[in-house]
Amino acid sequence: MNSNFFIYLGKVLAQFLLEVVYFPLWWYSVGLVRLVKVLLKFLGERWLVIGAGVWLKNLFVPMYGQVDFASRAISFFIRLIQIFFRFVFYIFFILFSFFILFLWTVLPPVIVSLIINLAIK
């Protein structure tokens, strides 16, 4: 065989081993930071889409310009209900983000342990 083949094979194996060793370092450092940034951006966008901040800001503003007591009371309670449900939806998105973060940190060791268990059997 050609001696260049063994040189290239050695380089490919060395690169492969380097990638295998570097992967966990990247996964729990750079990859984790990127994931947290993406999740924070996602939560910021969800906050804007849900619009709970606007409802909070206008909690005491009467709807439709009606300024009598009954209209103010109805507007206040309707907005309270809206704010409550919007915060419930936002909490769902927060829990979803924590679940994704949990999966990111737990998945590699689980996969490695499953591979080791299959190799042992």
PDB file of N, CA and C in Angstrom:
ATOM      1  N   MET A   1       0.839  -1.191   0.000  1.00  0.00           N
ATOM      2  CA  MET A   1       0.000   0.000   0.000  1.00  0.00           C
ATOM      3  C   MET A   1       0.879   1.247   0.000  1.00  0.00           C
ATOM      4  N   ASN A   2       0.255   2.289  -0.390  1.00  0.00           N
ATOM      5  CA  ASN A   2       0.943   3.571  -0.473  1.00  0.00           C
ATOM      6  C   ASN A   2       1.154   4.121   0.940  1.00  0.00           C
ATOM      7  N   SER A   3       2.325   4.704   1.194  1.00  0.00           N
ATOM      8  CA  SER A   3       2.617   5.240   2.534  1.00  0.00           C
ATOM      9  C   SER A   3       1.773   6.473   2.834  1.00  0.00           C
ATOM     10  N   ASN A   4       1.314   7.187   1.793  1.00  0.00           N
ATOM     11  CA  ASN A   4       0.441   8.343   2.003  1.00  0.00           C
ATOM     12  C   ASN A   4      -0.890   7.922   2.612  1.00  0.00           C
ATOM     13  N   PHE A   5      -1.336   6.720   2.283  1.00  0.00           N
ATOM     14  CA  PHE A   5      -2.585   6.218   2.844  1.00  0.00           C
ATOM     15  C   PHE A   5      -2.521   6.156   4.362  1.00  0.00           C
ATOM     16  N   PHE A   6      -1.401   5.650   4.888  1.00  0.00           N
ATOM     17  CA  PHE A   6      -1.258   5.527   6.342  1.00  0.00           C
ATOM     18  C   PHE A   6      -1.089   6.886   7.007  1.00  0.00           C
ATOM     19  N   ILE A   7      -0.474   7.814   6.301  1.00  0.00           N
ATOM     20  CA  ILE A   7      -0.348   9.177   6.837  1.00  0.00           C
ATOM     21  C   ILE A   7      -1.730   9.823   6.949  1.00  0.00           C
ATOM     22  N   TYR A   8      -2.536   9.702   5.878  1.00  0.00           N
ATOM     23  CA  TYR A   8      -3.886  10.273   5.899  1.00  0.00           C
ATOM     24  C   TYR A   8      -4.775   9.558   6.916  1.00  0.00           C
ATOM     25  N   LEU A   9      -4.616   8.244   7.001  1.00  0.00           N
ATOM     26  CA  LEU A   9      -5.387   7.483   7.979  1.00  0.00           C
ATOM     27  C   LEU A   9      -5.050   7.929   9.395  1.00  0.00           C
ATOM     28  N   GLY A  10      -3.772   8.159   9.659  1.00  0.00           N
ATOM     29  CA  GLY A  10      -3.346   8.645  10.976  1.00  0.00           C
ATOM     30  C   GLY A  10      -3.913  10.022  11.277  1.00  0.00           C
ATOM     31  N   LYS A  11      -3.921  10.891  10.272  1.00  0.00           N
ATOM     32  CA  LYS A  11      -4.482  12.233  10.462  1.00  0.00           C
ATOM     33  C   LYS A  11      -5.981  12.176  10.720  1.00  0.00           C
ATOM     34  N   VAL A  12      -6.674  11.315   9.990  1.00  0.00           N
ATOM     35  CA  VAL A  12      -8.121  11.186  10.180  1.00  0.00           C
ATOM     36  C   VAL A  12      -8.427  10.629  11.565  1.00  0.00           C
ATOM     37  N   LEU A  13      -7.692   9.621  11.982  1.00  0.00           N
ATOM     38  CA  LEU A  13      -7.907   9.051  13.325  1.00  0.00           C
ATOM     39  C   LEU A  13      -7.586  10.061  14.424  1.00  0.00           C
ATOM     40  N   ALA A  14      -6.506  10.825  14.232  1.00  0.00           N
ATOM     41  CA  ALA A  14      -6.149  11.843  15.222  1.00  0.00           C
ATOM     42  C   ALA A  14      -7.236  12.914  15.304  1.00  0.00           C
ATOM     43  N   GLN A  15      -7.750  13.339  14.146  1.00  0.00           N
ATOM     44  CA  GLN A  15      -8.818  14.341  14.139  1.00  0.00           C
ATOM     45  C   GLN A  15     -10.082  13.793  14.791  1.00  0.00           C
ATOM     46  N   PHE A  16     -10.390  12.543  14.505  1.00  0.00           N
ATOM     47  CA  PHE A  16     -11.564  11.906  15.106  1.00  0.00           C
ATOM     48  C   PHE A  16     -11.430  11.841  16.631  1.00  0.00           C
ATOM     49  N   LEU A  17     -10.283  11.440  17.121  1.00  0.00           N
ATOM     50  CA  LEU A  17     -10.067  11.372  18.577  1.00  0.00           C
ATOM     51  C   LEU A  17     -10.126  12.761  19.205  1.00  0.00           C
ATOM     52  N   LEU A  18      -9.579  13.745  18.507  1.00  0.00           N
ATOM     53  CA  LEU A  18      -9.647  15.122  19.008  1.00  0.00           C
ATOM     54  C   LEU A  18     -11.090  15.590  19.115  1.00  0.00           C
ATOM     55  N   GLU A  19     -11.893  15.287  18.100  1.00  0.00           N
ATOM     56  CA  GLU A  19     -13.312  15.672  18.122  1.00  0.00           C
ATOM     57  C   GLU A  19     -14.059  14.958  19.250  1.00  0.00           C
ATOM     58  N   VAL A  20     -13.765  13.703  19.468  1.00  0.00           N
ATOM     59  CA  VAL A  20     -14.433  12.937  20.534  1.00  0.00           C
ATOM     60  C   VAL A  20     -14.083  13.511  21.892  1.00  0.00           C
ATOM     61  N   VAL A  21     -12.845  13.904  22.074  1.00  0.00           N
ATOM     62  CA  VAL A  21     -12.424  14.481  23.357  1.00  0.00           C
ATOM     63  C   VAL A  21     -12.977  15.889  23.526  1.00  0.00           C
ATOM     64  N   TYR A  22     -13.005  16.667  22.443  1.00  0.00           N
ATOM     65  CA  TYR A  22     -13.445  18.059  22.531  1.00  0.00           C
ATOM     66  C   TYR A  22     -14.964  18.187  22.664  1.00  0.00           C
ATOM     67  N   PHE A  23     -15.713  17.216  22.166  1.00  0.00           N
ATOM     68  CA  PHE A  23     -17.170  17.316  22.166  1.00  0.00           C
ATOM     69  C   PHE A  23     -17.761  17.610  23.546  1.00  0.00           C
ATOM     70  N   PRO A  24     -17.427  16.860  24.609  1.00  0.00           N
ATOM     71  CA  PRO A  24     -18.028  17.185  25.919  1.00  0.00           C
ATOM     72  C   PRO A  24     -17.643  18.578  26.423  1.00  0.00           C
ATOM     73  N   LEU A  25     -16.422  18.994  26.129  1.00  0.00           N
ATOM     74  CA  LEU A  25     -16.019  20.344  26.548  1.00  0.00           C
ATOM     75  C   LEU A  25     -16.863  21.396  25.840  1.00  0.00           C
ATOM     76  N   TRP A  26     -17.069  21.228  24.534  1.00  0.00           N
ATOM     77  CA  TRP A  26     -17.892  22.177  23.796  1.00  0.00           C
ATOM     78  C   TRP A  26     -19.342  22.117  24.263  1.00  0.00           C
ATOM     79  N   TRP A  27     -19.871  20.903  24.464  1.00  0.00           N
ATOM     80  CA  TRP A  27     -21.282  20.703  24.812  1.00  0.00           C
ATOM     81  C   TRP A  27     -21.638  21.430  26.104  1.00  0.00           C
ATOM     82  N   TYR A  28     -20.742  21.351  27.100  1.00  0.00           N
ATOM     83  CA  TYR A  28     -21.043  21.939  28.402  1.00  0.00           C
ATOM     84  C   TYR A  28     -20.457  23.330  28.590  1.00  0.00           C
ATOM     85  N   SER A  29     -19.820  23.890  27.583  1.00  0.00           N
ATOM     86  CA  SER A  29     -19.320  25.263  27.711  1.00  0.00           C
ATOM     87  C   SER A  29     -19.951  26.142  26.627  1.00  0.00           C
ATOM     88  N   VAL A  30     -19.402  26.133  25.445  1.00  0.00           N
ATOM     89  CA  VAL A  30     -19.880  26.992  24.359  1.00  0.00           C
ATOM     90  C   VAL A  30     -21.309  26.625  23.965  1.00  0.00           C
ATOM     91  N   GLY A  31     -21.577  25.341  23.826  1.00  0.00           N
ATOM     92  CA  GLY A  31     -22.917  24.906  23.438  1.00  0.00           C
ATOM     93  C   GLY A  31     -23.964  25.279  24.463  1.00  0.00           C
ATOM     94  N   LEU A  32     -23.625  25.134  25.737  1.00  0.00           N
ATOM     95  CA  LEU A  32     -24.567  25.480  26.803  1.00  0.00           C
ATOM     96  C   LEU A  32     -24.842  26.981  26.837  1.00  0.00           C
ATOM     97  N   VAL A  33     -23.799  27.778  26.652  1.00  0.00           N
ATOM     98  CA  VAL A  33     -23.990  29.236  26.625  1.00  0.00           C
ATOM     99  C   VAL A  33     -24.872  29.634  25.439  1.00  0.00           C
ATOM    100  N   ARG A  34     -24.646  29.023  24.279  1.00  0.00           N
ATOM    101  CA  ARG A  34     -25.491  29.318  23.114  1.00  0.00           C
ATOM    102  C   ARG A  34     -26.934  28.921  23.363  1.00  0.00           C
ATOM    103  N   LEU A  35     -27.131  27.770  23.978  1.00  0.00           N
ATOM    104  CA  LEU A  35     -28.491  27.330  24.272  1.00  0.00           C
ATOM    105  C   LEU A  35     -29.187  28.297  25.222  1.00  0.00           C
ATOM    106  N   VAL A  36     -28.485  28.740  26.256  1.00  0.00           N
ATOM    107  CA  VAL A  36     -29.088  29.680  27.207  1.00  0.00           C
ATOM    108  C   VAL A  36     -29.449  30.985  26.499  1.00  0.00           C
ATOM    109  N   LYS A  37     -28.592  31.461  25.609  1.00  0.00           N
ATOM    110  CA  LYS A  37     -28.900  32.686  24.860  1.00  0.00           C
ATOM    111  C   LYS A  37     -30.139  32.495  23.984  1.00  0.00           C
ATOM    112  N   VAL A  38     -30.232  31.357  23.327  1.00  0.00           N
ATOM    113  CA  VAL A  38     -31.395  31.080  22.474  1.00  0.00           C
ATOM    114  C   VAL A  38     -32.663  30.993  23.323  1.00  0.00           C
ATOM    115  N   LEU A  39     -32.572  30.337  24.480  1.00  0.00           N
ATOM    116  CA  LEU A  39     -33.748  30.217  25.345  1.00  0.00           C
ATOM    117  C   LEU A  39     -34.175  31.568  25.904  1.00  0.00           C
ATOM    118  N   LEU A  40     -33.211  32.415  26.263  1.00  0.00           N
ATOM    119  CA  LEU A  40     -33.562  33.752  26.759  1.00  0.00           C
ATOM    120  C   LEU A  40     -34.209  34.589  25.650  1.00  0.00           C
ATOM    121  N   LYS A  41     -33.691  34.464  24.425  1.00  0.00           N
ATOM    122  CA  LYS A  41     -34.315  35.165  23.302  1.00  0.00           C
ATOM    123  C   LYS A  41     -35.728  34.638  23.066  1.00  0.00           C
ATOM    124  N   PHE A  42     -35.893  33.324  23.141  1.00  0.00           N
ATOM    125  CA  PHE A  42     -37.203  32.700  22.983  1.00  0.00           C
ATOM    126  C   PHE A  42     -38.177  33.223  24.038  1.00  0.00           C
ATOM    127  N   LEU A  43     -37.738  33.293  25.293  1.00  0.00           N
ATOM    128  CA  LEU A  43     -38.620  33.781  26.357  1.00  0.00           C
ATOM    129  C   LEU A  43     -38.952  35.262  26.173  1.00  0.00           C
ATOM    130  N   GLY A  44     -37.984  36.028  25.717  1.00  0.00           N
ATOM    131  CA  GLY A  44     -38.259  37.442  25.432  1.00  0.00           C
ATOM    132  C   GLY A  44     -39.288  37.618  24.332  1.00  0.00           C
ATOM    133  N   GLU A  45     -39.170  36.802  23.293  1.00  0.00           N
ATOM    134  CA  GLU A  45     -40.147  36.866  22.203  1.00  0.00           C
ATOM    135  C   GLU A  45     -41.527  36.404  22.667  1.00  0.00           C
ATOM    136  N   ARG A  46     -41.567  35.375  23.484  1.00  0.00           N
ATOM    137  CA  ARG A  46     -42.857  34.894  24.010  1.00  0.00           C
ATOM    138  C   ARG A  46     -43.499  35.961  24.884  1.00  0.00           C
ATOM    139  N   TRP A  47     -42.692  36.692  25.659  1.00  0.00           N
ATOM    140  CA  TRP A  47     -43.239  37.764  26.501  1.00  0.00           C
ATOM    141  C   TRP A  47     -43.905  38.824  25.632  1.00  0.00           C
ATOM    142  N   LEU A  48     -43.265  39.155  24.503  1.00  0.00           N
ATOM    143  CA  LEU A  48     -43.853  40.156  23.609  1.00  0.00           C
ATOM    144  C   LEU A  48     -45.105  39.619  22.925  1.00  0.00           C
ATOM    145  N   VAL A  49     -45.084  38.363  22.536  1.00  0.00           N
ATOM    146  CA  VAL A  49     -46.246  37.781  21.855  1.00  0.00           C
ATOM    147  C   VAL A  49     -47.428  37.675  22.806  1.00  0.00           C
ATOM    148  N   ILE A  50     -47.170  37.245  24.021  1.00  0.00           N
ATOM    149  CA  ILE A  50     -48.254  37.112  25.001  1.00  0.00           C
ATOM    150  C   ILE A  50     -48.795  38.486  25.388  1.00  0.00           C
ATOM    151  N   GLY A  51     -47.937  39.475  25.485  1.00  0.00           N
ATOM    152  CA  GLY A  51     -48.369  40.843  25.745  1.00  0.00           C
ATOM    153  C   GLY A  51     -48.850  41.108  27.156  1.00  0.00           C
ATOM    154  N   ALA A  52     -48.380  40.339  28.116  1.00  0.00           N
ATOM    155  CA  ALA A  52     -48.826  40.534  29.497  1.00  0.00           C
ATOM    156  C   ALA A  52     -48.375  41.880  30.057  1.00  0.00           C
ATOM    157  N   GLY A  53     -47.231  42.363  29.585  1.00  0.00           N
ATOM    158  CA  GLY A  53     -46.747  43.658  30.061  1.00  0.00           C
ATOM    159  C   GLY A  53     -47.679  44.796  29.686  1.00  0.00           C
ATOM    160  N   VAL A  54     -48.237  44.734  28.497  1.00  0.00           N
ATOM    161  CA  VAL A  54     -49.181  45.770  28.057  1.00  0.00           C
ATOM    162  C   VAL A  54     -50.448  45.714  28.899  1.00  0.00           C
ATOM    163  N   TRP A  55     -50.920  44.492  29.180  1.00  0.00           N
ATOM    164  CA  TRP A  55     -52.111  44.351  30.011  1.00  0.00           C
ATOM    165  C   TRP A  55     -51.840  44.857  31.429  1.00  0.00           C
ATOM    166  N   LEU A  56     -50.657  44.603  31.953  1.00  0.00           N
ATOM    167  CA  LEU A  56     -50.314  45.106  33.288  1.00  0.00           C
ATOM    168  C   LEU A  56     -50.265  46.629  33.308  1.00  0.00           C
ATOM    169  N   LYS A  57     -49.660  47.190  32.265  1.00  0.00           N
ATOM    170  CA  LYS A  57     -49.522  48.639  32.203  1.00  0.00           C
ATOM    171  C   LYS A  57     -50.883  49.332  32.146  1.00  0.00           C
ATOM    172  N   ASN A  58     -51.855  48.711  31.507  1.00  0.00           N
ATOM    173  CA  ASN A  58     -53.174  49.317  31.333  1.00  0.00           C
ATOM    174  C   ASN A  58     -54.219  48.750  32.285  1.00  0.00           C
ATOM    175  N   LEU A  59     -53.785  48.194  33.402  1.00  0.00           N
ATOM    176  CA  LEU A  59     -54.703  47.542  34.333  1.00  0.00           C
ATOM    177  C   LEU A  59     -55.782  48.504  34.837  1.00  0.00           C
ATOM    178  N   PHE A  60     -55.410  49.732  35.142  1.00  0.00           N
ATOM    179  CA  PHE A  60     -56.365  50.679  35.715  1.00  0.00           C
ATOM    180  C   PHE A  60     -56.948  51.649  34.685  1.00  0.00           C
ATOM    181  N   VAL A  61     -56.654  51.425  33.408  1.00  0.00           N
ATOM    182  CA  VAL A  61     -57.208  52.261  32.347  1.00  0.00           C
ATOM    183  C   VAL A  61     -58.542  51.647  31.921  1.00  0.00           C
ATOM    184  N   PRO A  62     -59.616  52.445  31.920  1.00  0.00           N
ATOM    185  CA  PRO A  62     -60.915  51.871  31.547  1.00  0.00           C
ATOM    186  C   PRO A  62     -60.966  51.521  30.066  1.00  0.00           C
ATOM    187  N   MET A  63     -61.684  50.440  29.746  1.00  0.00           N
ATOM    188  CA  MET A  63     -61.824  50.017  28.349  1.00  0.00           C
ATOM    189  C   MET A  63     -62.821  50.923  27.622  1.00  0.00           C
ATOM    190  N   TYR A  64     -62.552  51.142  26.360  1.00  0.00           N
ATOM    191  CA  TYR A  64     -63.464  51.874  25.468  1.00  0.00           C
ATOM    192  C   TYR A  64     -63.773  53.287  25.941  1.00  0.00           C
ATOM    193  N   GLY A  65     -62.928  53.850  26.800  1.00  0.00           N
ATOM    194  CA  GLY A  65     -63.119  55.219  27.252  1.00  0.00           C
ATOM    195  C   GLY A  65     -64.289  55.423  28.198  1.00  0.00           C
ATOM    196  N   GLN A  66     -64.841  54.345  28.717  1.00  0.00           N
ATOM    197  CA  GLN A  66     -65.951  54.454  29.668  1.00  0.00           C
ATOM    198  C   GLN A  66     -65.361  54.755  31.045  1.00  0.00           C
ATOM    199  N   VAL A  67     -65.809  55.853  31.655  1.00  0.00           N
ATOM    200  CA  VAL A  67     -65.185  56.302  32.899  1.00  0.00           C
ATOM    201  C   VAL A  67     -66.095  56.154  34.118  1.00  0.00           C
ATOM    202  N   ASP A  68     -67.271  55.572  33.960  1.00  0.00           N
ATOM    203  CA  ASP A  68     -68.111  55.387  35.139  1.00  0.00           C
ATOM    204  C   ASP A  68     -67.576  54.205  35.963  1.00  0.00           C
ATOM    205  N   PHE A  69     -68.051  54.104  37.196  1.00  0.00           N
ATOM    206  CA  PHE A  69     -67.518  53.109  38.136  1.00  0.00           C
ATOM    207  C   PHE A  69     -67.709  51.679  37.636  1.00  0.00           C
ATOM    208  N   ALA A  70     -68.871  51.361  37.109  1.00  0.00           N
ATOM    209  CA  ALA A  70     -69.147  49.992  36.646  1.00  0.00           C
ATOM    210  C   ALA A  70     -68.204  49.608  35.506  1.00  0.00           C
ATOM    211  N   SER A  71     -67.999  50.502  34.583  1.00  0.00           N
ATOM    212  CA  SER A  71     -67.097  50.208  33.453  1.00  0.00           C
ATOM    213  C   SER A  71     -65.666  50.032  33.924  1.00  0.00           C
ATOM    214  N   ARG A  72     -65.235  50.865  34.864  1.00  0.00           N
ATOM    215  CA  ARG A  72     -63.883  50.718  35.417  1.00  0.00           C
ATOM    216  C   ARG A  72     -63.730  49.387  36.146  1.00  0.00           C
ATOM    217  N   ALA A  73     -64.736  48.996  36.910  1.00  0.00           N
ATOM    218  CA  ALA A  73     -64.673  47.737  37.656  1.00  0.00           C
ATOM    219  C   ALA A  73     -64.645  46.546  36.696  1.00  0.00           C
ATOM    220  N   ILE A  74     -65.497  46.570  35.690  1.00  0.00           N
ATOM    221  CA  ILE A  74     -65.520  45.485  34.705  1.00  0.00           C
ATOM    222  C   ILE A  74     -64.181  45.411  33.975  1.00  0.00           C
ATOM    223  N   SER A  75     -63.656  46.558  33.553  1.00  0.00           N
ATOM    224  CA  SER A  75     -62.368  46.588  32.857  1.00  0.00           C
ATOM    225  C   SER A  75     -61.258  46.031  33.740  1.00  0.00           C
ATOM    226  N   PHE A  76     -61.270  46.420  35.010  1.00  0.00           N
ATOM    227  CA  PHE A  76     -60.238  45.959  35.938  1.00  0.00           C
ATOM    228  C   PHE A  76     -60.267  44.435  36.075  1.00  0.00           C
ATOM    229  N   PHE A  77     -61.434  43.866  36.301  1.00  0.00           N
ATOM    230  CA  PHE A  77     -61.511  42.417  36.513  1.00  0.00           C
ATOM    231  C   PHE A  77     -61.255  41.631  35.224  1.00  0.00           C
ATOM    232  N   ILE A  78     -61.709  42.132  34.107  1.00  0.00           N
ATOM    233  CA  ILE A  78     -61.425  41.465  32.828  1.00  0.00           C
ATOM    234  C   ILE A  78     -59.924  41.462  32.569  1.00  0.00           C
ATOM    235  N   ARG A  79     -59.273  42.576  32.838  1.00  0.00           N
ATOM    236  CA  ARG A  79     -57.823  42.629  32.642  1.00  0.00           C
ATOM    237  C   ARG A  79     -57.095  41.736  33.634  1.00  0.00           C
ATOM    238  N   LEU A  80     -57.581  41.648  34.866  1.00  0.00           N
ATOM    239  CA  LEU A  80     -56.968  40.724  35.826  1.00  0.00           C
ATOM    240  C   LEU A  80     -57.040  39.279  35.324  1.00  0.00           C
ATOM    241  N   ILE A  81     -58.168  38.895  34.789  1.00  0.00           N
ATOM    242  CA  ILE A  81     -58.311  37.539  34.253  1.00  0.00           C
ATOM    243  C   ILE A  81     -57.358  37.335  33.071  1.00  0.00           C
ATOM    244  N   GLN A  82     -57.293  38.310  32.182  1.00  0.00           N
ATOM    245  CA  GLN A  82     -56.384  38.227  31.039  1.00  0.00           C
ATOM    246  C   GLN A  82     -54.926  38.094  31.508  1.00  0.00           C
ATOM    247  N   ILE A  83     -54.542  38.917  32.471  1.00  0.00           N
ATOM    248  CA  ILE A  83     -53.171  38.882  32.985  1.00  0.00           C
ATOM    249  C   ILE A  83     -52.878  37.526  33.612  1.00  0.00           C
ATOM    250  N   PHE A  84     -53.808  36.998  34.378  1.00  0.00           N
ATOM    251  CA  PHE A  84     -53.609  35.705  35.018  1.00  0.00           C
ATOM    252  C   PHE A  84     -53.342  34.616  33.978  1.00  0.00           C
ATOM    253  N   PHE A  85     -54.194  34.518  32.969  1.00  0.00           N
ATOM    254  CA  PHE A  85     -54.020  33.461  31.968  1.00  0.00           C
ATOM    255  C   PHE A  85     -52.774  33.681  31.112  1.00  0.00           C
ATOM    256  N   ARG A  86     -52.441  34.916  30.845  1.00  0.00           N
ATOM    257  CA  ARG A  86     -51.231  35.180  30.073  1.00  0.00           C
ATOM    258  C   ARG A  86     -49.986  34.809  30.873  1.00  0.00           C
ATOM    259  N   PHE A  87     -50.003  35.068  32.176  1.00  0.00           N
ATOM    260  CA  PHE A  87     -48.875  34.641  32.999  1.00  0.00           C
ATOM    261  C   PHE A  87     -48.800  33.123  33.104  1.00  0.00           C
ATOM    262  N   VAL A  88     -49.932  32.452  33.140  1.00  0.00           N
ATOM    263  CA  VAL A  88     -49.931  30.990  33.153  1.00  0.00           C
ATOM    264  C   VAL A  88     -49.283  30.459  31.877  1.00  0.00           C
ATOM    265  N   PHE A  89     -49.622  31.028  30.734  1.00  0.00           N
ATOM    266  CA  PHE A  89     -48.997  30.612  29.477  1.00  0.00           C
ATOM    267  C   PHE A  89     -47.507  30.912  29.481  1.00  0.00           C
ATOM    268  N   TYR A  90     -47.126  32.056  30.036  1.00  0.00           N
ATOM    269  CA  TYR A  90     -45.708  32.399  30.075  1.00  0.00           C
ATOM    270  C   TYR A  90     -44.952  31.448  31.000  1.00  0.00           C
ATOM    271  N   ILE A  91     -45.549  31.067  32.100  1.00  0.00           N
ATOM    272  CA  ILE A  91     -44.921  30.087  32.992  1.00  0.00           C
ATOM    273  C   ILE A  91     -44.745  28.758  32.268  1.00  0.00           C
ATOM    274  N   PHE A  92     -45.704  28.388  31.430  1.00  0.00           N
ATOM    275  CA  PHE A  92     -45.543  27.187  30.613  1.00  0.00           C
ATOM    276  C   PHE A  92     -44.297  27.290  29.741  1.00  0.00           C
ATOM    277  N   PHE A  93     -44.065  28.437  29.106  1.00  0.00           N
ATOM    278  CA  PHE A  93     -42.886  28.614  28.267  1.00  0.00           C
ATOM    279  C   PHE A  93     -41.603  28.576  29.097  1.00  0.00           C
ATOM    280  N   ILE A  94     -41.644  29.118  30.296  1.00  0.00           N
ATOM    281  CA  ILE A  94     -40.474  29.052  31.180  1.00  0.00           C
ATOM    282  C   ILE A  94     -40.178  27.601  31.545  1.00  0.00           C
ATOM    283  N   LEU A  95     -41.207  26.846  31.902  1.00  0.00           N
ATOM    284  CA  LEU A  95     -41.008  25.437  32.232  1.00  0.00           C
ATOM    285  C   LEU A  95     -40.502  24.650  31.029  1.00  0.00           C
ATOM    286  N   PHE A  96     -41.018  24.946  29.854  1.00  0.00           N
ATOM    287  CA  PHE A  96     -40.541  24.302  28.636  1.00  0.00           C
ATOM    288  C   PHE A  96     -39.054  24.591  28.419  1.00  0.00           C
ATOM    289  N   SER A  97     -38.637  25.842  28.646  1.00  0.00           N
ATOM    290  CA  SER A  97     -37.234  26.217  28.475  1.00  0.00           C
ATOM    291  C   SER A  97     -36.349  25.485  29.480  1.00  0.00           C
ATOM    292  N   PHE A  98     -36.810  25.377  30.729  1.00  0.00           N
ATOM    293  CA  PHE A  98     -36.038  24.629  31.722  1.00  0.00           C
ATOM    294  C   PHE A  98     -35.952  23.148  31.350  1.00  0.00           C
ATOM    295  N   PHE A  99     -37.009  22.601  30.770  1.00  0.00           N
ATOM    296  CA  PHE A  99     -36.991  21.212  30.342  1.00  0.00           C
ATOM    297  C   PHE A  99     -35.960  21.006  29.230  1.00  0.00           C
ATOM    298  N   ILE A 100     -35.900  21.916  28.280  1.00  0.00           N
ATOM    299  CA  ILE A 100     -34.909  21.827  27.201  1.00  0.00           C
ATOM    300  C   ILE A 100     -33.501  21.929  27.779  1.00  0.00           C
ATOM    301  N   LEU A 101     -33.297  22.839  28.718  1.00  0.00           N
ATOM    302  CA  LEU A 101     -31.992  22.977  29.365  1.00  0.00           C
ATOM    303  C   LEU A 101     -31.628  21.708  30.133  1.00  0.00           C
ATOM    304  N   PHE A 102     -32.601  21.120  30.814  1.00  0.00           N
ATOM    305  CA  PHE A 102     -32.385  19.868  31.539  1.00  0.00           C
ATOM    306  C   PHE A 102     -31.990  18.753  30.567  1.00  0.00           C
ATOM    307  N   LEU A 103     -32.705  18.642  29.446  1.00  0.00           N
ATOM    308  CA  LEU A 103     -32.363  17.626  28.452  1.00  0.00           C
ATOM    309  C   LEU A 103     -30.951  17.829  27.912  1.00  0.00           C
ATOM    310  N   TRP A 104     -30.585  19.082  27.686  1.00  0.00           N
ATOM    311  CA  TRP A 104     -29.262  19.389  27.155  1.00  0.00           C
ATOM    312  C   TRP A 104     -28.171  18.899  28.100  1.00  0.00           C
ATOM    313  N   THR A 105     -28.368  19.058  29.378  1.00  0.00           N
ATOM    314  CA  THR A 105     -27.331  18.673  30.327  1.00  0.00           C
ATOM    315  C   THR A 105     -27.340  17.186  30.644  1.00  0.00           C
ATOM    316  N   VAL A 106     -28.484  16.533  30.558  1.00  0.00           N
ATOM    317  CA  VAL A 106     -28.598  15.138  30.980  1.00  0.00           C
ATOM    318  C   VAL A 106     -28.428  14.153  29.822  1.00  0.00           C
ATOM    319  N   LEU A 107     -28.771  14.564  28.631  1.00  0.00           N
ATOM    320  CA  LEU A 107     -28.804  13.625  27.510  1.00  0.00           C
ATOM    321  C   LEU A 107     -27.461  12.953  27.198  1.00  0.00           C
ATOM    322  N   PRO A 108     -26.346  13.660  27.096  1.00  0.00           N
ATOM    323  CA  PRO A 108     -25.087  12.976  26.767  1.00  0.00           C
ATOM    324  C   PRO A 108     -24.686  11.883  27.768  1.00  0.00           C
ATOM    325  N   PRO A 109     -24.716  12.133  29.092  1.00  0.00           N
ATOM    326  CA  PRO A 109     -24.358  11.033  29.996  1.00  0.00           C
ATOM    327  C   PRO A 109     -25.315   9.849  29.907  1.00  0.00           C
ATOM    328  N   VAL A 110     -26.591  10.117  29.673  1.00  0.00           N
ATOM    329  CA  VAL A 110     -27.558   9.016  29.541  1.00  0.00           C
ATOM    330  C   VAL A 110     -27.239   8.182  28.310  1.00  0.00           C
ATOM    331  N   ILE A 111     -26.946   8.850  27.206  1.00  0.00           N
ATOM    332  CA  ILE A 111     -26.622   8.122  25.978  1.00  0.00           C
ATOM    333  C   ILE A 111     -25.338   7.314  26.144  1.00  0.00           C
ATOM    334  N   VAL A 112     -24.323   7.904  26.768  1.00  0.00           N
ATOM    335  CA  VAL A 112     -23.067   7.181  26.992  1.00  0.00           C
ATOM    336  C   VAL A 112     -23.296   5.975  27.891  1.00  0.00           C
ATOM    337  N   SER A 113     -24.089   6.148  28.931  1.00  0.00           N
ATOM    338  CA  SER A 113     -24.347   4.999  29.829  1.00  0.00           C
ATOM    339  C   SER A 113     -25.141   3.912  29.110  1.00  0.00           C
ATOM    340  N   LEU A 114     -26.068   4.278  28.246  1.00  0.00           N
ATOM    341  CA  LEU A 114     -26.801   3.282  27.478  1.00  0.00           C
ATOM    342  C   LEU A 114     -25.880   2.519  26.517  1.00  0.00           C
ATOM    343  N   ILE A 115     -24.957   3.236  25.879  1.00  0.00           N
ATOM    344  CA  ILE A 115     -24.006   2.595  24.981  1.00  0.00           C
ATOM    345  C   ILE A 115     -23.103   1.641  25.760  1.00  0.00           C
ATOM    346  N   ILE A 116     -22.637   2.072  26.915  1.00  0.00           N
ATOM    347  CA  ILE A 116     -21.785   1.206  27.739  1.00  0.00           C
ATOM    348  C   ILE A 116     -22.546  -0.016  28.198  1.00  0.00           C
ATOM    349  N   ASN A 117     -23.795   0.148  28.623  1.00  0.00           N
ATOM    350  CA  ASN A 117     -24.595  -0.996  29.046  1.00  0.00           C
ATOM    351  C   ASN A 117     -24.828  -1.982  27.905  1.00  0.00           C
ATOM    352  N   LEU A 118     -25.043  -1.462  26.697  1.00  0.00           N
ATOM    353  CA  LEU A 118     -25.224  -2.355  25.550  1.00  0.00           C
ATOM    354  C   LEU A 118     -23.923  -3.069  25.193  1.00  0.00           C
ATOM    355  N   ALA A 119     -22.796  -2.369  25.374  1.00  0.00           N
ATOM    356  CA  ALA A 119     -21.513  -2.987  25.048  1.00  0.00           C
ATOM    357  C   ALA A 119     -21.136  -4.064  26.055  1.00  0.00           C
ATOM    358  N   ILE A 120     -21.550  -3.887  27.301  1.00  0.00           N
ATOM    359  CA  ILE A 120     -21.224  -4.861  28.350  1.00  0.00           C
ATOM    360  C   ILE A 120     -22.042  -6.144  28.155  1.00  0.00           C
ATOM    361  N   LYS A 121     -23.283  -6.028  27.752  1.00  0.00           N
ATOM    362  CA  LYS A 121     -24.147  -7.210  27.620  1.00  0.00           C
ATOM    363  C   LYS A 121     -23.749  -8.101  26.519  1.00  0.00           C
TER     364      LYS A 121
END
